[in-house]
Amino acid sequence: MLAGEKYMDAMEVILTRRSIRKYIDKSLDENIIKKLINASVSAPSSGNQQPWHFVVIDDQNIFDENTPVSSKRKNA
């Protein structure tokens, strides 16, 4: 654990998880993105297949070009 970081126990994470549908227009630090991806590849997978594929898009134009029309609706 790095200094200043807090980790939740498993039950707290499960019981407090929520879907996020409103986002703020703020970039994440590249190191945070790398930590999140590293944590994600640790998730279990069926038969330990580890079928992970991650794409990080940090350009709004590229994001807009690749977002389905249904996802662009407000309050979707």
Foldseek 3Di string as FASTA:
>chain_A
DDPPDDDDDPVCCVVPDDDDLDDDPDDDDPVVVVVVVVVVQPDDDVVSPSPDDDDDDPDVVVVVVPDDPVSPDPPD
